[in-house]
Amino acid sequence: MGDVKLDLLSPGIEVGLVTTNLEPMVAFYEGFLELEPQGDIDFEGGTQRRYSLGANVLKLVTYTTPPPAPAAPGGGRAQAGLRYFTIGVNGLRAVAEAFEASEYDVVEPLTEFAPVPGMGWMFVADPDGNWIELFGVL
């Protein structure tokens, strides 16, 4: 079997988060994180709300018939598979402070990355319990 070299149509990826809890998810991604909405796309059996995230797209997907299994919160420590995505930011300390003052969960607190002073990382959770790693310049 041969290798497949992808001829990319776009420079980023699109991440789809399937939710049965749309309004709190919109409040988090659009309201709190202030991601730029691209609009909604209806497809047979559901809808996706699209957000710009750098060169990438985050999609909140809802189905007319909800999936039988709920979201499995807890990141990679709870279940194998695609369990978190990572966003690099400037001013990570201010982002951490905003999360600490909010209703949203910080699941792993801001930690300075010892080998690279001035850089750090943290994990937060959206309303469905999906984990997001935030890393960057403190």
N, C-alpha and C. Protein backbone atom coordinates (compact mmCIF):
# COMPACT_ATOMS: atom_id res chain seq x y z
N MET A 1 0.84 -1.17 0.00
CA MET A 1 0.00 0.00 0.00
C MET A 1 0.89 1.23 0.00
N GLY A 2 0.58 2.22 -0.86
CA GLY A 2 1.39 3.42 -0.98
C GLY A 2 1.01 4.50 -0.01
N ASP A 3 1.89 5.46 0.14
CA ASP A 3 1.63 6.63 0.97
C ASP A 3 0.72 7.58 0.23
N VAL A 4 -0.01 8.38 0.96
CA VAL A 4 -0.89 9.40 0.38
C VAL A 4 -0.33 10.76 0.78
N LYS A 5 0.01 11.59 -0.19
CA LYS A 5 0.45 12.95 0.09
C LYS A 5 -0.75 13.85 -0.13
N LEU A 6 -1.20 14.52 0.92
CA LEU A 6 -2.37 15.38 0.83
C LEU A 6 -2.01 16.68 0.12
N ASP A 7 -2.82 17.05 -0.85
CA ASP A 7 -2.73 18.34 -1.52
C ASP A 7 -3.72 19.26 -0.81
N LEU A 8 -3.24 20.01 0.18
CA LEU A 8 -4.13 20.76 1.05
C LEU A 8 -4.85 21.88 0.32
N LEU A 9 -6.14 21.96 0.54
CA LEU A 9 -6.99 23.02 0.01
C LEU A 9 -6.85 24.28 0.84
N SER A 10 -6.64 24.12 2.17
CA SER A 10 -6.49 25.26 3.06
C SER A 10 -5.34 24.99 4.03
N PRO A 11 -4.74 26.05 4.61
CA PRO A 11 -3.56 25.87 5.46
C PRO A 11 -3.85 25.39 6.87
N GLY A 12 -5.10 25.35 7.28
CA GLY A 12 -5.44 24.96 8.65
C GLY A 12 -6.30 23.73 8.68
N ILE A 13 -6.79 23.43 9.88
CA ILE A 13 -7.73 22.33 10.05
C ILE A 13 -9.06 22.88 10.54
N GLU A 14 -10.09 22.07 10.42
CA GLU A 14 -11.40 22.39 10.97
C GLU A 14 -11.70 21.36 12.05
N VAL A 15 -11.99 21.85 13.25
CA VAL A 15 -12.28 20.99 14.39
C VAL A 15 -13.78 21.05 14.66
N GLY A 16 -14.43 19.90 14.67
CA GLY A 16 -15.86 19.84 14.94
C GLY A 16 -16.13 19.34 16.34
N LEU A 17 -16.86 20.14 17.12
CA LEU A 17 -17.29 19.73 18.45
C LEU A 17 -18.78 19.47 18.39
N VAL A 18 -19.17 18.21 18.54
CA VAL A 18 -20.58 17.86 18.53
C VAL A 18 -21.14 18.14 19.92
N THR A 19 -22.26 18.87 19.96
CA THR A 19 -22.83 19.25 21.24
C THR A 19 -24.34 19.07 21.25
N THR A 20 -24.88 18.80 22.41
CA THR A 20 -26.33 18.82 22.63
C THR A 20 -26.67 19.99 23.55
N ASN A 21 -25.72 20.88 23.73
CA ASN A 21 -25.76 21.94 24.71
C ASN A 21 -25.33 23.26 24.03
N LEU A 22 -25.99 23.62 22.93
CA LEU A 22 -25.48 24.67 22.05
C LEU A 22 -25.36 26.04 22.71
N GLU A 23 -26.37 26.51 23.40
CA GLU A 23 -26.33 27.89 23.92
C GLU A 23 -25.17 28.13 24.89
N PRO A 24 -24.92 27.25 25.88
CA PRO A 24 -23.75 27.48 26.73
C PRO A 24 -22.43 27.39 25.96
N MET A 25 -22.39 26.55 24.94
CA MET A 25 -21.18 26.44 24.12
C MET A 25 -20.96 27.73 23.32
N VAL A 26 -22.02 28.30 22.77
CA VAL A 26 -21.92 29.58 22.05
C VAL A 26 -21.47 30.67 23.03
N ALA A 27 -22.03 30.68 24.23
CA ALA A 27 -21.64 31.67 25.23
C ALA A 27 -20.15 31.57 25.54
N PHE A 28 -19.62 30.38 25.58
CA PHE A 28 -18.20 30.17 25.87
C PHE A 28 -17.31 30.60 24.70
N TYR A 29 -17.55 30.01 23.53
CA TYR A 29 -16.65 30.24 22.39
C TYR A 29 -16.83 31.62 21.77
N GLU A 30 -18.06 32.06 21.64
CA GLU A 30 -18.34 33.35 21.00
C GLU A 30 -18.33 34.48 22.02
N GLY A 31 -18.92 34.25 23.19
CA GLY A 31 -19.01 35.29 24.20
C GLY A 31 -17.72 35.46 24.99
N PHE A 32 -17.27 34.40 25.66
CA PHE A 32 -16.11 34.50 26.55
C PHE A 32 -14.79 34.54 25.78
N LEU A 33 -14.57 33.59 24.86
CA LEU A 33 -13.31 33.55 24.11
C LEU A 33 -13.30 34.54 22.94
N GLU A 34 -14.46 35.08 22.60
CA GLU A 34 -14.61 36.07 21.53
C GLU A 34 -14.08 35.58 20.18
N LEU A 35 -14.34 34.30 19.85
CA LEU A 35 -14.00 33.81 18.52
C LEU A 35 -14.93 34.46 17.51
N GLU A 36 -14.42 34.75 16.34
CA GLU A 36 -15.16 35.44 15.30
C GLU A 36 -16.10 34.45 14.58
N PRO A 37 -17.43 34.69 14.66
CA PRO A 37 -18.36 33.79 13.96
C PRO A 37 -18.24 33.93 12.44
N GLN A 38 -18.29 32.81 11.76
CA GLN A 38 -18.33 32.78 10.29
C GLN A 38 -19.73 32.52 9.77
N GLY A 39 -20.64 32.17 10.66
CA GLY A 39 -22.00 31.87 10.25
C GLY A 39 -22.37 30.43 10.50
N ASP A 40 -23.62 30.11 10.17
CA ASP A 40 -24.15 28.76 10.35
C ASP A 40 -24.32 28.10 8.99
N ILE A 41 -24.09 26.81 8.94
CA ILE A 41 -24.34 26.02 7.73
C ILE A 41 -25.27 24.88 8.12
N ASP A 42 -26.42 24.85 7.48
CA ASP A 42 -27.34 23.73 7.68
C ASP A 42 -26.96 22.61 6.73
N PHE A 43 -27.02 21.40 7.21
CA PHE A 43 -26.80 20.22 6.36
C PHE A 43 -27.89 19.23 6.71
N GLU A 44 -28.07 18.22 5.88
CA GLU A 44 -29.12 17.24 6.14
C GLU A 44 -28.88 16.59 7.50
N GLY A 45 -29.81 16.79 8.42
CA GLY A 45 -29.71 16.18 9.73
C GLY A 45 -29.04 17.04 10.79
N GLY A 46 -28.69 18.29 10.46
CA GLY A 46 -28.05 19.10 11.49
C GLY A 46 -27.60 20.46 11.03
N THR A 47 -26.83 21.11 11.90
CA THR A 47 -26.31 22.45 11.65
C THR A 47 -24.92 22.56 12.25
N GLN A 48 -24.09 23.38 11.64
CA GLN A 48 -22.81 23.70 12.25
C GLN A 48 -22.66 25.21 12.33
N ARG A 49 -22.23 25.70 13.49
CA ARG A 49 -21.90 27.11 13.70
C ARG A 49 -20.39 27.19 13.62
N ARG A 50 -19.89 28.05 12.72
CA ARG A 50 -18.46 28.09 12.42
C ARG A 50 -17.80 29.33 13.03
N TYR A 51 -16.56 29.14 13.53
CA TYR A 51 -15.78 30.22 14.11
C TYR A 51 -14.36 30.21 13.54
N SER A 52 -13.83 31.40 13.27
CA SER A 52 -12.43 31.53 12.88
C SER A 52 -11.56 31.36 14.11
N LEU A 53 -10.46 30.64 13.94
CA LEU A 53 -9.47 30.45 14.98
C LEU A 53 -8.11 30.44 14.29
N GLY A 54 -7.58 31.65 14.04
CA GLY A 54 -6.37 31.77 13.24
C GLY A 54 -6.66 31.29 11.83
N ALA A 55 -5.83 30.39 11.32
CA ALA A 55 -6.04 29.81 9.99
C ALA A 55 -6.96 28.60 10.06
N ASN A 56 -7.52 28.35 11.23
CA ASN A 56 -8.34 27.17 11.47
C ASN A 56 -9.80 27.55 11.68
N VAL A 57 -10.64 26.53 11.75
CA VAL A 57 -12.07 26.74 11.98
C VAL A 57 -12.51 25.81 13.10
N LEU A 58 -13.24 26.36 14.05
CA LEU A 58 -13.88 25.56 15.08
C LEU A 58 -15.36 25.52 14.75
N LYS A 59 -15.93 24.32 14.76
CA LYS A 59 -17.34 24.14 14.40
C LYS A 59 -18.09 23.55 15.59
N LEU A 60 -19.18 24.20 15.97
CA LEU A 60 -20.10 23.62 16.95
C LEU A 60 -21.19 22.94 16.14
N VAL A 61 -21.26 21.63 16.25
CA VAL A 61 -22.16 20.83 15.42
C VAL A 61 -23.30 20.30 16.28
N THR A 62 -24.52 20.47 15.78
CA THR A 62 -25.69 19.88 16.42
C THR A 62 -26.42 19.03 15.38
N TYR A 63 -26.98 17.94 15.84
CA TYR A 63 -27.74 17.05 14.97
C TYR A 63 -29.21 17.09 15.35
N THR A 64 -30.08 16.95 14.36
CA THR A 64 -31.52 16.90 14.61
C THR A 64 -31.85 15.77 15.57
N THR A 65 -31.24 14.62 15.36
CA THR A 65 -31.34 13.50 16.29
C THR A 65 -30.04 13.46 17.08
N PRO A 66 -30.07 13.86 18.34
CA PRO A 66 -28.84 13.92 19.13
C PRO A 66 -28.14 12.58 19.21
N PRO A 67 -26.81 12.57 19.33
CA PRO A 67 -26.09 11.31 19.46
C PRO A 67 -26.49 10.60 20.75
N PRO A 68 -26.45 9.26 20.76
CA PRO A 68 -26.89 8.52 21.94
C PRO A 68 -25.95 8.66 23.14
N ALA A 69 -24.66 8.89 22.90
CA ALA A 69 -23.70 9.00 24.01
C ALA A 69 -23.41 10.48 24.27
N PRO A 70 -23.38 10.88 25.52
CA PRO A 70 -23.07 12.29 25.84
C PRO A 70 -21.59 12.59 25.64
N ALA A 71 -21.24 13.86 25.74
CA ALA A 71 -19.83 14.25 25.71
C ALA A 71 -19.12 13.59 26.88
N ALA A 72 -17.88 13.16 26.67
CA ALA A 72 -17.09 12.54 27.74
C ALA A 72 -16.08 13.56 28.23
N PRO A 73 -16.41 14.26 29.32
CA PRO A 73 -15.48 15.27 29.84
C PRO A 73 -14.22 14.64 30.41
N GLY A 74 -13.18 15.44 30.56
CA GLY A 74 -12.00 14.96 31.26
C GLY A 74 -10.74 14.87 30.43
N GLY A 75 -10.77 15.34 29.20
CA GLY A 75 -9.55 15.34 28.40
C GLY A 75 -8.97 13.95 28.24
N GLY A 76 -7.66 13.90 27.99
CA GLY A 76 -6.98 12.64 27.73
C GLY A 76 -6.89 11.73 28.93
N ARG A 77 -7.11 12.27 30.11
CA ARG A 77 -7.04 11.42 31.31
C ARG A 77 -8.32 10.59 31.49
N ALA A 78 -9.39 10.96 30.76
CA ALA A 78 -10.67 10.29 30.93
C ALA A 78 -10.93 9.22 29.88
N GLN A 79 -10.38 9.43 28.68
CA GLN A 79 -10.73 8.53 27.58
C GLN A 79 -9.71 8.72 26.47
N ALA A 80 -9.40 7.65 25.78
CA ALA A 80 -8.48 7.74 24.64
C ALA A 80 -9.18 8.38 23.45
N GLY A 81 -8.41 8.78 22.49
CA GLY A 81 -8.95 9.39 21.28
C GLY A 81 -8.64 10.87 21.24
N LEU A 82 -9.28 11.58 20.35
CA LEU A 82 -9.08 13.01 20.22
C LEU A 82 -9.71 13.68 21.43
N ARG A 83 -8.90 14.17 22.37
CA ARG A 83 -9.42 14.60 23.66
C ARG A 83 -9.19 16.07 23.97
N TYR A 84 -8.34 16.77 23.22
CA TYR A 84 -8.17 18.20 23.43
C TYR A 84 -7.54 18.82 22.20
N PHE A 85 -7.67 20.13 22.10
CA PHE A 85 -6.94 20.86 21.07
C PHE A 85 -6.19 21.99 21.74
N THR A 86 -5.18 22.51 21.04
CA THR A 86 -4.25 23.46 21.62
C THR A 86 -4.31 24.77 20.87
N ILE A 87 -4.29 25.88 21.64
CA ILE A 87 -4.27 27.22 21.06
C ILE A 87 -3.09 27.96 21.66
N GLY A 88 -2.24 28.51 20.82
CA GLY A 88 -1.12 29.33 21.27
C GLY A 88 -1.56 30.78 21.36
N VAL A 89 -1.24 31.43 22.48
CA VAL A 89 -1.66 32.81 22.71
C VAL A 89 -0.52 33.64 23.28
N ASN A 90 -0.61 34.94 23.09
CA ASN A 90 0.23 35.90 23.80
C ASN A 90 -0.53 36.34 25.04
N GLY A 91 0.20 36.68 26.10
CA GLY A 91 -0.45 37.16 27.32
C GLY A 91 -1.18 36.07 28.06
N LEU A 92 -0.57 34.90 28.17
CA LEU A 92 -1.23 33.75 28.80
C LEU A 92 -1.61 34.03 30.25
N ARG A 93 -0.79 34.79 30.98
CA ARG A 93 -1.11 35.07 32.38
C ARG A 93 -2.44 35.82 32.49
N ALA A 94 -2.69 36.79 31.60
CA ALA A 94 -3.96 37.53 31.60
C ALA A 94 -5.12 36.61 31.24
N VAL A 95 -4.89 35.70 30.31
CA VAL A 95 -5.93 34.73 29.95
C VAL A 95 -6.25 33.86 31.16
N ALA A 96 -5.22 33.41 31.87
CA ALA A 96 -5.43 32.58 33.06
C ALA A 96 -6.23 33.34 34.11
N GLU A 97 -5.91 34.62 34.31
CA GLU A 97 -6.64 35.43 35.28
C GLU A 97 -8.10 35.59 34.88
N ALA A 98 -8.36 35.77 33.59
CA ALA A 98 -9.74 35.89 33.11
C ALA A 98 -10.51 34.59 33.36
N PHE A 99 -9.88 33.44 33.14
CA PHE A 99 -10.53 32.16 33.43
C PHE A 99 -10.79 32.00 34.91
N GLU A 100 -9.81 32.38 35.75
CA GLU A 100 -9.98 32.26 37.20
C GLU A 100 -11.15 33.10 37.69
N ALA A 101 -11.39 34.24 37.06
CA ALA A 101 -12.48 35.13 37.48
C ALA A 101 -13.82 34.76 36.84
N SER A 102 -13.82 33.77 35.96
CA SER A 102 -15.03 33.40 35.23
C SER A 102 -15.70 32.19 35.86
N GLU A 103 -16.82 31.80 35.26
CA GLU A 103 -17.54 30.60 35.69
C GLU A 103 -16.96 29.33 35.08
N TYR A 104 -15.96 29.47 34.19
CA TYR A 104 -15.45 28.32 33.45
C TYR A 104 -14.32 27.61 34.20
N ASP A 105 -14.18 26.31 33.92
CA ASP A 105 -13.25 25.47 34.67
C ASP A 105 -11.83 25.55 34.15
N VAL A 106 -10.89 25.80 35.07
CA VAL A 106 -9.47 25.61 34.82
C VAL A 106 -9.17 24.22 35.35
N VAL A 107 -8.82 23.29 34.47
CA VAL A 107 -8.63 21.91 34.91
C VAL A 107 -7.17 21.59 35.22
N GLU A 108 -6.25 22.34 34.64
CA GLU A 108 -4.84 22.28 35.01
C GLU A 108 -4.35 23.71 35.03
N PRO A 109 -3.90 24.21 36.18
CA PRO A 109 -3.59 25.63 36.32
C PRO A 109 -2.38 26.06 35.49
N LEU A 110 -2.26 27.36 35.34
CA LEU A 110 -1.13 27.94 34.62
C LEU A 110 0.17 27.44 35.22
N THR A 111 1.03 26.90 34.37
CA THR A 111 2.32 26.36 34.78
C THR A 111 3.38 26.93 33.87
N GLU A 112 4.42 27.49 34.46
CA GLU A 112 5.53 27.99 33.63
C GLU A 112 6.29 26.78 33.10
N PHE A 113 6.65 26.84 31.81
CA PHE A 113 7.39 25.78 31.15
C PHE A 113 8.86 25.95 31.50
N ALA A 114 9.36 25.16 32.47
CA ALA A 114 10.69 25.36 33.04
C ALA A 114 11.82 25.49 32.01
N PRO A 115 11.83 24.65 30.96
CA PRO A 115 12.95 24.77 30.01
C PRO A 115 12.95 26.08 29.21
N VAL A 116 11.80 26.76 29.15
CA VAL A 116 11.71 28.00 28.37
C VAL A 116 11.08 29.08 29.26
N PRO A 117 11.89 29.82 30.02
CA PRO A 117 11.34 30.86 30.89
C PRO A 117 10.49 31.85 30.10
N GLY A 118 9.40 32.27 30.73
CA GLY A 118 8.51 33.23 30.08
C GLY A 118 7.43 32.57 29.23
N MET A 119 7.46 31.24 29.14
CA MET A 119 6.43 30.49 28.41
C MET A 119 5.69 29.62 29.42
N GLY A 120 4.42 29.34 29.12
CA GLY A 120 3.64 28.50 30.02
C GLY A 120 2.52 27.80 29.30
N TRP A 121 1.76 27.03 30.07
CA TRP A 121 0.62 26.29 29.53
C TRP A 121 -0.41 26.09 30.63
N MET A 122 -1.63 25.79 30.22
CA MET A 122 -2.72 25.47 31.14
C MET A 122 -3.79 24.72 30.35
N PHE A 123 -4.69 24.06 31.06
CA PHE A 123 -5.84 23.41 30.43
C PHE A 123 -7.11 23.98 31.02
N VAL A 124 -8.09 24.24 30.16
CA VAL A 124 -9.41 24.69 30.58
C VAL A 124 -10.43 23.76 29.96
N ALA A 125 -11.68 23.88 30.41
CA ALA A 125 -12.76 23.04 29.87
C ALA A 125 -13.90 23.92 29.41
N ASP A 126 -14.51 23.55 28.28
CA ASP A 126 -15.70 24.25 27.82
C ASP A 126 -16.92 23.69 28.56
N PRO A 127 -18.11 24.23 28.32
CA PRO A 127 -19.29 23.75 29.07
C PRO A 127 -19.62 22.26 28.88
N ASP A 128 -19.19 21.65 27.78
CA ASP A 128 -19.40 20.21 27.58
C ASP A 128 -18.31 19.37 28.21
N GLY A 129 -17.28 20.01 28.76
CA GLY A 129 -16.17 19.28 29.36
C GLY A 129 -15.04 18.98 28.41
N ASN A 130 -15.09 19.50 27.17
CA ASN A 130 -13.98 19.34 26.24
C ASN A 130 -12.80 20.17 26.75
N TRP A 131 -11.61 19.59 26.70
CA TRP A 131 -10.42 20.29 27.20
C TRP A 131 -9.77 21.09 26.08
N ILE A 132 -9.23 22.24 26.46
CA ILE A 132 -8.47 23.10 25.56
C ILE A 132 -7.16 23.40 26.27
N GLU A 133 -6.05 23.11 25.60
CA GLU A 133 -4.75 23.49 26.13
C GLU A 133 -4.43 24.88 25.60
N LEU A 134 -4.08 25.78 26.48
CA LEU A 134 -3.62 27.11 26.10
C LEU A 134 -2.15 27.19 26.45
N PHE A 135 -1.31 27.60 25.50
CA PHE A 135 0.11 27.75 25.79
C PHE A 135 0.57 29.08 25.19
N GLY A 136 1.68 29.57 25.68
CA GLY A 136 2.23 30.76 25.07
C GLY A 136 3.07 31.59 26.01
N VAL A 137 3.29 32.83 25.55
CA VAL A 137 4.11 33.78 26.28
C VAL A 137 3.30 34.27 27.48
N LEU A 138 3.92 34.21 28.65
CA LEU A 138 3.24 34.64 29.86
C LEU A 138 2.99 36.13 29.82
